[in-house]
Amino acid sequence: MAPSRASSSWDPILLISQIVAMQCLHYLTLAVLIPPSLALLADPVALEYEGGVANVGMLMDWREMAGRPTFRRLHGEERWHSFAGAWTGGKMVAEPAWHVGAARAGRADPLRGWVLAVCWLLASGADIYYLYAVIRRPRLILDFVLTLLFNHLVLTTYYSAALPTSLFFWAVVLAGGALMIVVAEQLCVKREMNEGLVVATAGIEEEQEEMELGGMRRD
């Protein structure tokens, strides 16, 4: 009976290790999916203006998924435009190249948000396997999924210095969380049922063997 009590006892080191492992595996999966997806599908000029496909904000900034700008224009910056471009007769006849690129890059790229949303859902699908392999117990799946999402909300709020206010972002995150909870719990329950049936069958066979051996000894 001692091993069963030890296995069911609360182990804080194991709990923290599992939380860290799930968080790291989730971000590692996103780091593998996001860069090539953005490189293939997103607007390259706007993407380069945001820091490129390897920018950590693509993982941590909720505004990227929501399709909102992540930078702020300086007040009164138009006054510096008189020092660039081609002028004749007091009129600008050609804008500077950097200004044209910035104007294009400053526009929101709606496709980028959809790419990040799909990558998040794919990572949630991978998280199902991580939960199945690392957490294993069905009654703990809900707690670990909520912990994973809560930690991400804390980190993305800290990174962007703003609370997530996008309904699209919340819909994607909640959909991914629901997918993880439902599927991972079902898989873990199915595994426990199969393991329980195997153990019960083995116990019955052992009892039958003992009964047969006892009968042979009596004979």
N, C-alpha and C. Protein backbone atom coordinates (compact mmCIF):
# COMPACT_ATOMS: atom_id res chain seq x y z
N MET A 1 0.81 -1.21 0.00
CA MET A 1 0.00 0.00 0.00
C MET A 1 0.85 1.27 0.00
N ALA A 2 2.09 1.17 0.43
CA ALA A 2 2.93 2.36 0.49
C ALA A 2 3.17 2.98 -0.87
N PRO A 3 3.46 2.18 -1.94
CA PRO A 3 3.67 2.79 -3.25
C PRO A 3 2.45 3.55 -3.75
N SER A 4 1.23 3.05 -3.47
CA SER A 4 0.03 3.76 -3.95
C SER A 4 -0.14 5.09 -3.25
N ARG A 5 0.18 5.13 -1.94
CA ARG A 5 0.09 6.42 -1.24
C ARG A 5 1.13 7.39 -1.76
N ALA A 6 2.31 6.91 -2.08
CA ALA A 6 3.37 7.80 -2.57
C ALA A 6 3.02 8.35 -3.95
N SER A 7 2.39 7.49 -4.80
CA SER A 7 2.07 7.95 -6.15
C SER A 7 0.95 8.97 -6.16
N SER A 8 0.06 8.94 -5.16
CA SER A 8 -1.06 9.87 -5.13
C SER A 8 -0.78 11.12 -4.31
N SER A 9 0.40 11.19 -3.68
CA SER A 9 0.73 12.35 -2.86
C SER A 9 1.06 13.54 -3.75
N TRP A 10 0.94 14.74 -3.18
CA TRP A 10 1.20 15.97 -3.93
C TRP A 10 2.69 16.22 -4.01
N ASP A 11 3.24 16.32 -5.20
CA ASP A 11 4.67 16.53 -5.42
C ASP A 11 4.85 17.89 -6.09
N PRO A 12 5.26 18.93 -5.35
CA PRO A 12 5.38 20.27 -5.95
C PRO A 12 6.45 20.35 -7.02
N ILE A 13 7.55 19.61 -6.85
CA ILE A 13 8.62 19.65 -7.85
C ILE A 13 8.13 19.07 -9.17
N LEU A 14 7.42 17.95 -9.09
CA LEU A 14 6.87 17.35 -10.30
C LEU A 14 5.84 18.27 -10.95
N LEU A 15 5.02 18.91 -10.14
CA LEU A 15 3.98 19.81 -10.65
C LEU A 15 4.60 20.99 -11.39
N ILE A 16 5.60 21.62 -10.78
CA ILE A 16 6.26 22.77 -11.41
C ILE A 16 6.98 22.34 -12.68
N SER A 17 7.61 21.18 -12.63
CA SER A 17 8.32 20.67 -13.81
C SER A 17 7.36 20.44 -14.97
N GLN A 18 6.19 19.91 -14.68
CA GLN A 18 5.20 19.68 -15.73
C GLN A 18 4.66 20.98 -16.30
N ILE A 19 4.45 21.98 -15.44
CA ILE A 19 3.98 23.28 -15.92
C ILE A 19 5.01 23.92 -16.85
N VAL A 20 6.28 23.91 -16.42
CA VAL A 20 7.34 24.48 -17.24
C VAL A 20 7.50 23.71 -18.54
N ALA A 21 7.42 22.39 -18.47
CA ALA A 21 7.56 21.57 -19.67
C ALA A 21 6.46 21.86 -20.68
N MET A 22 5.22 21.97 -20.21
CA MET A 22 4.11 22.25 -21.11
C MET A 22 4.25 23.63 -21.75
N GLN A 23 4.66 24.63 -20.97
CA GLN A 23 4.82 25.98 -21.50
C GLN A 23 5.93 26.02 -22.55
N CYS A 24 7.04 25.37 -22.25
CA CYS A 24 8.17 25.36 -23.18
C CYS A 24 7.83 24.61 -24.46
N LEU A 25 7.16 23.47 -24.33
CA LEU A 25 6.78 22.70 -25.52
C LEU A 25 5.79 23.47 -26.39
N HIS A 26 4.89 24.21 -25.76
CA HIS A 26 3.92 25.00 -26.52
C HIS A 26 4.62 26.09 -27.33
N TYR A 27 5.52 26.83 -26.70
CA TYR A 27 6.22 27.90 -27.41
C TYR A 27 7.22 27.34 -28.42
N LEU A 28 7.81 26.19 -28.11
CA LEU A 28 8.72 25.57 -29.07
C LEU A 28 7.97 25.17 -30.34
N THR A 29 6.78 24.63 -30.17
CA THR A 29 5.96 24.27 -31.33
C THR A 29 5.60 25.50 -32.15
N LEU A 30 5.21 26.58 -31.47
CA LEU A 30 4.90 27.82 -32.19
C LEU A 30 6.13 28.36 -32.91
N ALA A 31 7.30 28.26 -32.27
CA ALA A 31 8.53 28.75 -32.88
C ALA A 31 8.91 27.96 -34.13
N VAL A 32 8.48 26.72 -34.19
CA VAL A 32 8.73 25.90 -35.38
C VAL A 32 7.72 26.21 -36.48
N LEU A 33 6.48 26.47 -36.12
CA LEU A 33 5.41 26.66 -37.10
C LEU A 33 5.35 28.07 -37.68
N ILE A 34 5.54 29.08 -36.83
CA ILE A 34 5.26 30.46 -37.25
C ILE A 34 6.22 30.99 -38.31
N PRO A 35 7.56 30.91 -38.13
CA PRO A 35 8.46 31.54 -39.11
C PRO A 35 8.25 31.06 -40.55
N PRO A 36 8.24 29.75 -40.83
CA PRO A 36 8.04 29.36 -42.23
C PRO A 36 6.65 29.72 -42.76
N SER A 37 5.64 29.68 -41.91
CA SER A 37 4.29 30.03 -42.35
C SER A 37 4.20 31.50 -42.73
N LEU A 38 4.79 32.37 -41.91
CA LEU A 38 4.77 33.79 -42.23
C LEU A 38 5.62 34.10 -43.45
N ALA A 39 6.75 33.42 -43.58
CA ALA A 39 7.61 33.65 -44.74
C ALA A 39 6.92 33.29 -46.05
N LEU A 40 6.03 32.32 -46.01
CA LEU A 40 5.34 31.89 -47.22
C LEU A 40 4.08 32.69 -47.52
N LEU A 41 3.37 33.13 -46.48
CA LEU A 41 2.02 33.66 -46.68
C LEU A 41 1.86 35.15 -46.37
N ALA A 42 2.67 35.71 -45.49
CA ALA A 42 2.46 37.09 -45.05
C ALA A 42 3.11 38.09 -46.01
N ASP A 43 2.68 39.35 -45.90
CA ASP A 43 3.25 40.43 -46.70
C ASP A 43 4.69 40.67 -46.26
N PRO A 44 5.68 40.48 -47.13
CA PRO A 44 7.08 40.58 -46.69
C PRO A 44 7.50 41.97 -46.24
N VAL A 45 6.95 43.02 -46.88
CA VAL A 45 7.34 44.38 -46.49
C VAL A 45 6.83 44.72 -45.10
N ALA A 46 5.54 44.47 -44.87
CA ALA A 46 4.97 44.74 -43.55
C ALA A 46 5.61 43.84 -42.50
N LEU A 47 5.95 42.62 -42.87
CA LEU A 47 6.58 41.69 -41.93
C LEU A 47 7.97 42.16 -41.55
N GLU A 48 8.72 42.65 -42.52
CA GLU A 48 10.07 43.15 -42.24
C GLU A 48 10.01 44.38 -41.35
N TYR A 49 9.00 45.22 -41.55
CA TYR A 49 8.85 46.41 -40.72
C TYR A 49 8.57 46.04 -39.27
N GLU A 50 7.94 44.88 -39.03
CA GLU A 50 7.64 44.43 -37.67
C GLU A 50 8.78 43.64 -37.04
N GLY A 51 9.86 43.43 -37.78
CA GLY A 51 11.01 42.72 -37.21
C GLY A 51 11.31 41.39 -37.85
N GLY A 52 10.53 40.99 -38.85
CA GLY A 52 10.81 39.75 -39.55
C GLY A 52 10.11 38.55 -38.93
N VAL A 53 10.28 37.40 -39.57
CA VAL A 53 9.58 36.19 -39.12
C VAL A 53 10.10 35.69 -37.78
N ALA A 54 11.35 36.03 -37.44
CA ALA A 54 11.93 35.54 -36.20
C ALA A 54 11.68 36.47 -35.02
N ASN A 55 10.88 37.52 -35.22
CA ASN A 55 10.58 38.44 -34.13
C ASN A 55 9.78 37.72 -33.04
N VAL A 56 10.23 37.85 -31.79
CA VAL A 56 9.55 37.17 -30.69
C VAL A 56 8.12 37.67 -30.50
N GLY A 57 7.85 38.86 -31.00
CA GLY A 57 6.49 39.40 -30.90
C GLY A 57 5.47 38.57 -31.65
N MET A 58 5.90 37.83 -32.67
CA MET A 58 4.97 36.97 -33.39
C MET A 58 4.42 35.87 -32.50
N LEU A 59 5.17 35.51 -31.46
CA LEU A 59 4.71 34.52 -30.50
C LEU A 59 4.02 35.15 -29.30
N MET A 60 4.56 36.29 -28.84
CA MET A 60 4.18 36.81 -27.53
C MET A 60 3.24 38.01 -27.58
N ASP A 61 3.10 38.67 -28.71
CA ASP A 61 2.28 39.89 -28.77
C ASP A 61 0.90 39.54 -29.33
N TRP A 62 -0.13 39.71 -28.53
CA TRP A 62 -1.49 39.38 -28.97
C TRP A 62 -1.96 40.29 -30.09
N ARG A 63 -1.36 41.49 -30.22
CA ARG A 63 -1.77 42.42 -31.26
C ARG A 63 -1.41 41.92 -32.65
N GLU A 64 -0.37 41.08 -32.74
CA GLU A 64 -0.02 40.51 -34.04
C GLU A 64 -1.14 39.61 -34.56
N MET A 65 -1.68 38.77 -33.69
CA MET A 65 -2.78 37.90 -34.10
C MET A 65 -4.04 38.70 -34.37
N ALA A 66 -4.24 39.77 -33.61
CA ALA A 66 -5.44 40.59 -33.77
C ALA A 66 -5.36 41.51 -34.98
N GLY A 67 -4.19 41.61 -35.63
CA GLY A 67 -4.05 42.48 -36.78
C GLY A 67 -4.00 43.95 -36.43
N ARG A 68 -3.52 44.26 -35.24
CA ARG A 68 -3.43 45.66 -34.80
C ARG A 68 -1.99 46.13 -34.85
N PRO A 69 -1.76 47.44 -35.06
CA PRO A 69 -0.39 47.95 -35.10
C PRO A 69 0.29 47.80 -33.74
N THR A 70 1.57 47.49 -33.79
CA THR A 70 2.34 47.30 -32.56
C THR A 70 3.31 48.44 -32.30
N PHE A 71 3.20 49.53 -33.07
CA PHE A 71 4.09 50.67 -32.90
C PHE A 71 3.25 51.94 -32.82
N ARG A 72 3.86 52.98 -32.33
CA ARG A 72 3.18 54.28 -32.20
C ARG A 72 3.96 55.32 -32.98
N ARG A 73 3.22 56.10 -33.75
CA ARG A 73 3.85 57.18 -34.49
C ARG A 73 4.15 58.35 -33.56
N LEU A 74 5.27 58.99 -33.83
CA LEU A 74 5.66 60.14 -33.02
C LEU A 74 4.81 61.35 -33.41
N HIS A 75 4.41 62.11 -32.42
CA HIS A 75 3.62 63.31 -32.69
C HIS A 75 4.48 64.35 -33.40
N GLY A 76 3.94 64.93 -34.46
CA GLY A 76 4.64 65.99 -35.16
C GLY A 76 5.77 65.51 -36.04
N GLU A 77 5.78 64.22 -36.42
CA GLU A 77 6.89 63.72 -37.22
C GLU A 77 6.83 64.25 -38.66
N GLU A 78 5.67 64.76 -39.08
CA GLU A 78 5.57 65.28 -40.44
C GLU A 78 6.51 66.45 -40.68
N ARG A 79 6.91 67.13 -39.60
CA ARG A 79 7.77 68.30 -39.78
C ARG A 79 9.16 67.91 -40.30
N TRP A 80 9.54 66.64 -40.15
CA TRP A 80 10.87 66.21 -40.60
C TRP A 80 10.87 65.82 -42.08
N HIS A 81 9.69 65.73 -42.71
CA HIS A 81 9.64 65.31 -44.10
C HIS A 81 10.24 66.34 -45.04
N SER A 82 10.35 67.58 -44.61
CA SER A 82 10.90 68.61 -45.48
C SER A 82 12.39 68.42 -45.73
N PHE A 83 13.04 67.56 -44.93
CA PHE A 83 14.48 67.33 -45.09
C PHE A 83 14.76 66.13 -46.00
N ALA A 84 13.73 65.51 -46.57
CA ALA A 84 13.93 64.34 -47.42
C ALA A 84 13.07 64.47 -48.66
N GLY A 85 13.39 63.70 -49.69
CA GLY A 85 12.63 63.72 -50.92
C GLY A 85 13.19 64.73 -51.91
N ALA A 86 12.54 64.83 -53.05
CA ALA A 86 12.95 65.75 -54.11
C ALA A 86 11.98 66.93 -54.15
N TRP A 87 12.55 68.15 -54.08
CA TRP A 87 11.72 69.36 -54.04
C TRP A 87 12.07 70.26 -55.22
N THR A 88 11.05 70.92 -55.74
CA THR A 88 11.27 71.92 -56.78
C THR A 88 10.16 72.96 -56.70
N GLY A 89 10.54 74.22 -56.72
CA GLY A 89 9.57 75.29 -56.63
C GLY A 89 8.76 75.25 -55.35
N GLY A 90 9.34 74.75 -54.26
CA GLY A 90 8.64 74.68 -52.99
C GLY A 90 7.65 73.53 -52.90
N LYS A 91 7.67 72.63 -53.88
CA LYS A 91 6.78 71.48 -53.86
C LYS A 91 7.59 70.19 -53.93
N MET A 92 7.11 69.15 -53.19
CA MET A 92 7.77 67.84 -53.23
C MET A 92 7.30 67.09 -54.48
N VAL A 93 8.25 66.74 -55.32
CA VAL A 93 7.92 66.02 -56.55
C VAL A 93 8.19 64.52 -56.42
N ALA A 94 8.92 64.11 -55.40
CA ALA A 94 9.21 62.67 -55.18
C ALA A 94 9.42 62.43 -53.70
N GLU A 95 8.71 61.47 -53.16
CA GLU A 95 8.87 61.13 -51.76
C GLU A 95 10.08 60.23 -51.57
N PRO A 96 10.69 60.27 -50.39
CA PRO A 96 11.82 59.38 -50.12
C PRO A 96 11.38 57.92 -50.10
N ALA A 97 12.31 57.04 -50.47
CA ALA A 97 11.97 55.62 -50.55
C ALA A 97 11.57 55.06 -49.19
N TRP A 98 12.25 55.54 -48.13
CA TRP A 98 11.93 55.00 -46.81
C TRP A 98 10.51 55.37 -46.39
N HIS A 99 10.05 56.57 -46.84
CA HIS A 99 8.71 57.01 -46.47
C HIS A 99 7.64 56.17 -47.17
N VAL A 100 7.90 55.83 -48.45
CA VAL A 100 6.96 54.99 -49.18
C VAL A 100 6.89 53.61 -48.56
N GLY A 101 8.06 53.05 -48.20
CA GLY A 101 8.09 51.73 -47.58
C GLY A 101 7.42 51.72 -46.23
N ALA A 102 7.65 52.78 -45.45
CA ALA A 102 7.03 52.84 -44.12
C ALA A 102 5.52 52.96 -44.22
N ALA A 103 5.05 53.73 -45.23
CA ALA A 103 3.60 53.86 -45.38
C ALA A 103 2.96 52.53 -45.73
N ARG A 104 3.65 51.76 -46.58
CA ARG A 104 3.12 50.44 -46.92
C ARG A 104 3.24 49.48 -45.74
N ALA A 105 4.39 49.57 -45.04
CA ALA A 105 4.61 48.66 -43.92
C ALA A 105 3.72 48.99 -42.75
N GLY A 106 3.32 50.25 -42.64
CA GLY A 106 2.50 50.63 -41.50
C GLY A 106 1.08 50.11 -41.57
N ARG A 107 0.66 49.67 -42.76
CA ARG A 107 -0.69 49.14 -42.90
C ARG A 107 -0.77 47.75 -42.27
N ALA A 108 -1.87 47.45 -41.64
CA ALA A 108 -2.05 46.15 -41.02
C ALA A 108 -2.19 45.07 -42.09
N ASP A 109 -1.59 43.93 -41.82
CA ASP A 109 -1.67 42.79 -42.73
C ASP A 109 -2.66 41.79 -42.15
N PRO A 110 -3.90 41.75 -42.65
CA PRO A 110 -4.91 40.85 -42.06
C PRO A 110 -4.54 39.39 -42.21
N LEU A 111 -3.83 39.04 -43.28
CA LEU A 111 -3.47 37.64 -43.50
C LEU A 111 -2.52 37.14 -42.42
N ARG A 112 -1.67 38.04 -41.91
CA ARG A 112 -0.73 37.63 -40.87
C ARG A 112 -1.46 37.15 -39.63
N GLY A 113 -2.53 37.84 -39.24
CA GLY A 113 -3.29 37.41 -38.08
C GLY A 113 -3.91 36.04 -38.25
N TRP A 114 -4.41 35.75 -39.46
CA TRP A 114 -4.99 34.43 -39.72
C TRP A 114 -3.92 33.35 -39.70
N VAL A 115 -2.74 33.66 -40.22
CA VAL A 115 -1.64 32.69 -40.18
C VAL A 115 -1.26 32.37 -38.74
N LEU A 116 -1.15 33.40 -37.91
CA LEU A 116 -0.81 33.17 -36.50
C LEU A 116 -1.91 32.40 -35.79
N ALA A 117 -3.17 32.67 -36.14
CA ALA A 117 -4.28 31.94 -35.52
C ALA A 117 -4.24 30.46 -35.88
N VAL A 118 -3.99 30.16 -37.15
CA VAL A 118 -3.90 28.75 -37.57
C VAL A 118 -2.72 28.07 -36.89
N CYS A 119 -1.60 28.77 -36.79
CA CYS A 119 -0.43 28.19 -36.10
C CYS A 119 -0.74 27.92 -34.63
N TRP A 120 -1.50 28.82 -33.99
CA TRP A 120 -1.88 28.59 -32.59
C TRP A 120 -2.75 27.35 -32.45
N LEU A 121 -3.70 27.17 -33.36
CA LEU A 121 -4.57 26.00 -33.30
C LEU A 121 -3.79 24.72 -33.58
N LEU A 122 -2.83 24.78 -34.51
CA LEU A 122 -1.99 23.62 -34.76
C LEU A 122 -1.13 23.28 -33.55
N ALA A 123 -0.61 24.32 -32.89
CA ALA A 123 0.15 24.09 -31.66
C ALA A 123 -0.73 23.51 -30.57
N SER A 124 -1.99 23.93 -30.52
CA SER A 124 -2.92 23.34 -29.56
C SER A 124 -3.14 21.86 -29.85
N GLY A 125 -3.17 21.51 -31.13
CA GLY A 125 -3.27 20.10 -31.48
C GLY A 125 -2.06 19.32 -31.03
N ALA A 126 -0.87 19.91 -31.16
CA ALA A 126 0.34 19.25 -30.66
C ALA A 126 0.33 19.16 -29.14
N ASP A 127 -0.26 20.17 -28.48
CA ASP A 127 -0.35 20.15 -27.02
C ASP A 127 -1.17 18.97 -26.52
N ILE A 128 -2.09 18.49 -27.33
CA ILE A 128 -2.88 17.32 -26.93
C ILE A 128 -1.95 16.13 -26.68
N TYR A 129 -1.01 15.93 -27.58
CA TYR A 129 -0.05 14.83 -27.38
C TYR A 129 0.84 15.09 -26.17
N TYR A 130 1.26 16.35 -25.98
CA TYR A 130 2.10 16.67 -24.82
C TYR A 130 1.35 16.39 -23.52
N LEU A 131 0.08 16.77 -23.47
CA LEU A 131 -0.73 16.48 -22.29
C LEU A 131 -0.88 14.98 -22.08
N TYR A 132 -1.08 14.27 -23.16
CA TYR A 132 -1.25 12.82 -23.09
C TYR A 132 0.02 12.14 -22.59
N ALA A 133 1.18 12.65 -23.00
CA ALA A 133 2.45 12.01 -22.65
C ALA A 133 3.03 12.52 -21.34
N VAL A 134 2.84 13.80 -21.02
CA VAL A 134 3.48 14.40 -19.85
C VAL A 134 2.56 14.39 -18.63
N ILE A 135 1.32 14.80 -18.80
CA ILE A 135 0.39 14.92 -17.67
C ILE A 135 -0.27 13.58 -17.36
N ARG A 136 -0.82 12.94 -18.37
CA ARG A 136 -1.32 11.57 -18.30
C ARG A 136 -2.65 11.43 -17.55
N ARG A 137 -2.85 12.07 -16.42
CA ARG A 137 -4.07 11.87 -15.63
C ARG A 137 -5.22 12.73 -16.17
N PRO A 138 -6.37 12.14 -16.41
CA PRO A 138 -7.49 12.91 -16.97
C PRO A 138 -7.96 14.05 -16.07
N ARG A 139 -7.95 13.84 -14.76
CA ARG A 139 -8.46 14.88 -13.86
C ARG A 139 -7.54 16.09 -13.78
N LEU A 140 -6.31 15.98 -14.29
CA LEU A 140 -5.38 17.10 -14.25
C LEU A 140 -5.33 17.88 -15.57
N ILE A 141 -5.97 17.37 -16.61
CA ILE A 141 -5.88 18.02 -17.93
C ILE A 141 -6.44 19.43 -17.88
N LEU A 142 -7.62 19.60 -17.30
CA LEU A 142 -8.26 20.92 -17.24
C LEU A 142 -7.37 21.92 -16.50
N ASP A 143 -6.80 21.51 -15.38
CA ASP A 143 -5.96 22.42 -14.60
C ASP A 143 -4.73 22.86 -15.38
N PHE A 144 -4.10 21.93 -16.08
CA PHE A 144 -2.87 22.28 -16.80
C PHE A 144 -3.17 23.12 -18.04
N VAL A 145 -4.28 22.89 -18.70
CA VAL A 145 -4.64 23.71 -19.86
C VAL A 145 -4.94 25.14 -19.42
N LEU A 146 -5.70 25.29 -18.35
CA LEU A 146 -6.00 26.64 -17.84
C LEU A 146 -4.73 27.34 -17.37
N THR A 147 -3.81 26.59 -16.76
CA THR A 147 -2.54 27.18 -16.33
C THR A 147 -1.72 27.63 -17.53
N LEU A 148 -1.69 26.82 -18.58
CA LEU A 148 -0.97 27.18 -19.79
C LEU A 148 -1.52 28.47 -20.40
N LEU A 149 -2.83 28.57 -20.52
CA LEU A 149 -3.44 29.76 -21.11
C LEU A 149 -3.27 30.98 -20.21
N PHE A 150 -3.39 30.79 -18.90
CA PHE A 150 -3.22 31.91 -17.98
C PHE A 150 -1.79 32.45 -18.04
N ASN A 151 -0.81 31.56 -18.08
CA ASN A 151 0.58 32.01 -18.17
C ASN A 151 0.82 32.78 -19.46
N HIS A 152 0.22 32.32 -20.55
CA HIS A 152 0.39 33.03 -21.82
C HIS A 152 -0.26 34.41 -21.76
N LEU A 153 -1.42 34.51 -21.15
CA LEU A 153 -2.08 35.81 -21.03
C LEU A 153 -1.24 36.77 -20.21
N VAL A 154 -0.63 36.27 -19.15
CA VAL A 154 0.24 37.12 -18.33
C VAL A 154 1.44 37.59 -19.15
N LEU A 155 2.06 36.67 -19.88
CA LEU A 155 3.26 37.00 -20.65
C LEU A 155 2.94 37.94 -21.81
N THR A 156 1.83 37.71 -22.52
CA THR A 156 1.50 38.57 -23.65
C THR A 156 1.07 39.96 -23.18
N THR A 157 0.42 40.03 -22.02
CA THR A 157 0.06 41.34 -21.46
C THR A 157 1.30 42.11 -21.06
N TYR A 158 2.26 41.42 -20.46
CA TYR A 158 3.52 42.07 -20.06
C TYR A 158 4.31 42.51 -21.29
N TYR A 159 4.35 41.66 -22.32
CA TYR A 159 5.15 41.98 -23.50
C TYR A 159 4.57 43.17 -24.26
N SER A 160 3.26 43.20 -24.42
CA SER A 160 2.62 44.27 -25.19
C SER A 160 2.23 45.47 -24.35
N ALA A 161 2.36 45.35 -23.02
CA ALA A 161 1.97 46.42 -22.10
C ALA A 161 0.51 46.81 -22.27
N ALA A 162 -0.32 45.83 -22.60
CA ALA A 162 -1.75 46.08 -22.78
C ALA A 162 -2.51 44.78 -22.63
N LEU A 163 -3.67 44.85 -21.98
CA LEU A 163 -4.52 43.67 -21.84
C LEU A 163 -5.12 43.30 -23.20
N PRO A 164 -5.24 42.02 -23.51
CA PRO A 164 -5.86 41.62 -24.77
C PRO A 164 -7.32 42.07 -24.84
N THR A 165 -7.65 42.83 -25.86
CA THR A 165 -9.02 43.33 -26.04
C THR A 165 -9.62 42.89 -27.37
N SER A 166 -8.97 41.98 -28.06
CA SER A 166 -9.44 41.52 -29.36
C SER A 166 -10.32 40.29 -29.20
N LEU A 167 -11.54 40.35 -29.71
CA LEU A 167 -12.42 39.20 -29.67
C LEU A 167 -11.87 38.04 -30.51
N PHE A 168 -11.21 38.37 -31.61
CA PHE A 168 -10.62 37.34 -32.45
C PHE A 168 -9.54 36.58 -31.68
N PHE A 169 -8.69 37.30 -30.96
CA PHE A 169 -7.65 36.66 -30.17
C PHE A 169 -8.26 35.74 -29.11
N TRP A 170 -9.26 36.24 -28.40
CA TRP A 170 -9.90 35.43 -27.36
C TRP A 170 -10.59 34.21 -27.95
N ALA A 171 -11.21 34.36 -29.10
CA ALA A 171 -11.89 33.23 -29.73
C ALA A 171 -10.90 32.13 -30.12
N VAL A 172 -9.76 32.52 -30.67
CA VAL A 172 -8.75 31.54 -31.06
C VAL A 172 -8.17 30.83 -29.84
N VAL A 173 -7.84 31.60 -28.80
CA VAL A 173 -7.25 31.01 -27.60
C VAL A 173 -8.24 30.06 -26.92
N LEU A 174 -9.49 30.48 -26.79
CA LEU A 174 -10.49 29.64 -26.13
C LEU A 174 -10.80 28.39 -26.97
N ALA A 175 -10.82 28.54 -28.29
CA ALA A 175 -11.06 27.38 -29.14
C ALA A 175 -9.93 26.36 -29.01
N GLY A 176 -8.70 26.86 -28.98
CA GLY A 176 -7.57 25.95 -28.78
C GLY A 176 -7.61 25.28 -27.42
N GLY A 177 -7.98 26.03 -26.38
CA GLY A 177 -8.09 25.45 -25.05
C GLY A 177 -9.17 24.39 -24.96
N ALA A 178 -10.32 24.66 -25.57
CA ALA A 178 -11.40 23.66 -25.56
C ALA A 178 -10.99 22.40 -26.31
N LEU A 179 -10.29 22.57 -27.42
CA LEU A 179 -9.81 21.40 -28.17
C LEU A 179 -8.87 20.55 -27.32
N MET A 180 -7.95 21.20 -26.62
CA MET A 180 -7.01 20.46 -25.79
C MET A 180 -7.72 19.71 -24.67
N ILE A 181 -8.65 20.38 -24.00
CA ILE A 181 -9.33 19.77 -22.85
C ILE A 181 -10.14 18.55 -23.28
N VAL A 182 -10.96 18.72 -24.30
CA VAL A 182 -11.87 17.65 -24.70
C VAL A 182 -11.10 16.43 -25.22
N VAL A 183 -10.20 16.65 -26.16
CA VAL A 183 -9.52 15.52 -26.80
C VAL A 183 -8.52 14.87 -25.85
N ALA A 184 -7.73 15.67 -25.14
CA ALA A 184 -6.72 15.08 -24.24
C ALA A 184 -7.38 14.29 -23.12
N GLU A 185 -8.47 14.81 -22.56
CA GLU A 185 -9.16 14.07 -21.50
C GLU A 185 -9.69 12.74 -22.01
N GLN A 186 -10.27 12.75 -23.20
CA GLN A 186 -10.81 11.51 -23.76
C GLN A 186 -9.71 10.48 -23.99
N LEU A 187 -8.58 10.92 -24.50
CA LEU A 187 -7.47 10.00 -24.75
C LEU A 187 -6.92 9.43 -23.45
N CYS A 188 -6.78 10.28 -22.44
CA CYS A 188 -6.25 9.81 -21.16
C CYS A 188 -7.23 8.85 -20.47
N VAL A 189 -8.51 9.15 -20.54
CA VAL A 189 -9.51 8.24 -19.96
C VAL A 189 -9.50 6.89 -20.67
N LYS A 190 -9.41 6.92 -21.99
CA LYS A 190 -9.37 5.68 -22.76
C LYS A 190 -8.15 4.85 -22.39
N ARG A 191 -7.00 5.51 -22.21
CA ARG A 191 -5.80 4.77 -21.83
C ARG A 191 -5.95 4.15 -20.45
N GLU A 192 -6.49 4.92 -19.49
CA GLU A 192 -6.66 4.37 -18.14
C GLU A 192 -7.64 3.19 -18.14
N MET A 193 -8.68 3.28 -18.94
CA MET A 193 -9.62 2.16 -19.02
C MET A 193 -8.95 0.92 -19.59
N ASN A 194 -8.14 1.11 -20.63
CA ASN A 194 -7.44 -0.04 -21.22
C ASN A 194 -6.44 -0.64 -20.24
N GLU A 195 -5.70 0.22 -19.53
CA GLU A 195 -4.75 -0.28 -18.55
C GLU A 195 -5.47 -0.98 -17.41
N GLY A 196 -6.63 -0.46 -17.00
CA GLY A 196 -7.39 -1.10 -15.93
C GLY A 196 -7.90 -2.47 -16.35
N LEU A 197 -8.33 -2.59 -17.61
CA LEU A 197 -8.79 -3.89 -18.10
C LEU A 197 -7.66 -4.89 -18.16
N VAL A 198 -6.48 -4.43 -18.55
CA VAL A 198 -5.33 -5.33 -18.61
C VAL A 198 -4.96 -5.82 -17.22
N VAL A 199 -4.93 -4.89 -16.25
CA VAL A 199 -4.60 -5.27 -14.87
C VAL A 199 -5.63 -6.22 -14.30
N ALA A 200 -6.92 -5.94 -14.55
CA ALA A 200 -7.97 -6.81 -14.03
C ALA A 200 -7.89 -8.20 -14.65
N THR A 201 -7.63 -8.27 -15.94
CA THR A 201 -7.50 -9.57 -16.61
C THR A 201 -6.32 -10.35 -16.07
N ALA A 202 -5.20 -9.65 -15.85
CA ALA A 202 -4.02 -10.32 -15.30
C ALA A 202 -4.30 -10.84 -13.89
N GLY A 203 -5.04 -10.06 -13.09
CA GLY A 203 -5.37 -10.50 -11.73
C GLY A 203 -6.26 -11.73 -11.73
N ILE A 204 -7.23 -11.78 -12.64
CA ILE A 204 -8.11 -12.95 -12.73
C ILE A 204 -7.33 -14.19 -13.14
N GLU A 205 -6.42 -14.01 -14.10
CA GLU A 205 -5.61 -15.15 -14.54
C GLU A 205 -4.73 -15.67 -13.41
N GLU A 206 -4.15 -14.75 -12.61
CA GLU A 206 -3.33 -15.19 -11.49
C GLU A 206 -4.16 -15.95 -10.47
N GLU A 207 -5.37 -15.47 -10.19
CA GLU A 207 -6.23 -16.17 -9.24
C GLU A 207 -6.60 -17.56 -9.75
N GLN A 208 -6.88 -17.66 -11.04
CA GLN A 208 -7.21 -18.97 -11.61
C GLN A 208 -6.02 -19.92 -11.53
N GLU A 209 -4.82 -19.39 -11.79
CA GLU A 209 -3.64 -20.25 -11.70
C GLU A 209 -3.42 -20.72 -10.27
N GLU A 210 -3.62 -19.82 -9.29
CA GLU A 210 -3.45 -20.21 -7.90
C GLU A 210 -4.47 -21.27 -7.50
N MET A 211 -5.71 -21.12 -7.98
CA MET A 211 -6.73 -22.12 -7.67
C MET A 211 -6.39 -23.47 -8.29
N GLU A 212 -5.89 -23.45 -9.51
CA GLU A 212 -5.52 -24.70 -10.16
C GLU A 212 -4.35 -25.37 -9.45
N LEU A 213 -3.35 -24.56 -9.04
CA LEU A 213 -2.21 -25.12 -8.32
C LEU A 213 -2.65 -25.68 -6.98
N GLY A 214 -3.58 -24.98 -6.30
CA GLY A 214 -4.09 -25.47 -5.02
C GLY A 214 -4.82 -26.79 -5.18
N GLY A 215 -5.60 -26.91 -6.27
CA GLY A 215 -6.30 -28.16 -6.51
C GLY A 215 -5.36 -29.31 -6.81
N MET A 216 -4.28 -29.01 -7.55
CA MET A 216 -3.32 -30.06 -7.86
C MET A 216 -2.60 -30.53 -6.61
N ARG A 217 -2.29 -29.60 -5.69
CA ARG A 217 -1.61 -29.99 -4.45
C ARG A 217 -2.50 -30.88 -3.59
N ARG A 218 -3.79 -30.58 -3.57
CA ARG A 218 -4.71 -31.41 -2.79
C ARG A 218 -4.81 -32.82 -3.35
N ASP A 219 -4.77 -32.89 -4.69
CA ASP A 219 -4.84 -34.20 -5.31
C ASP A 219 -3.58 -35.01 -4.99
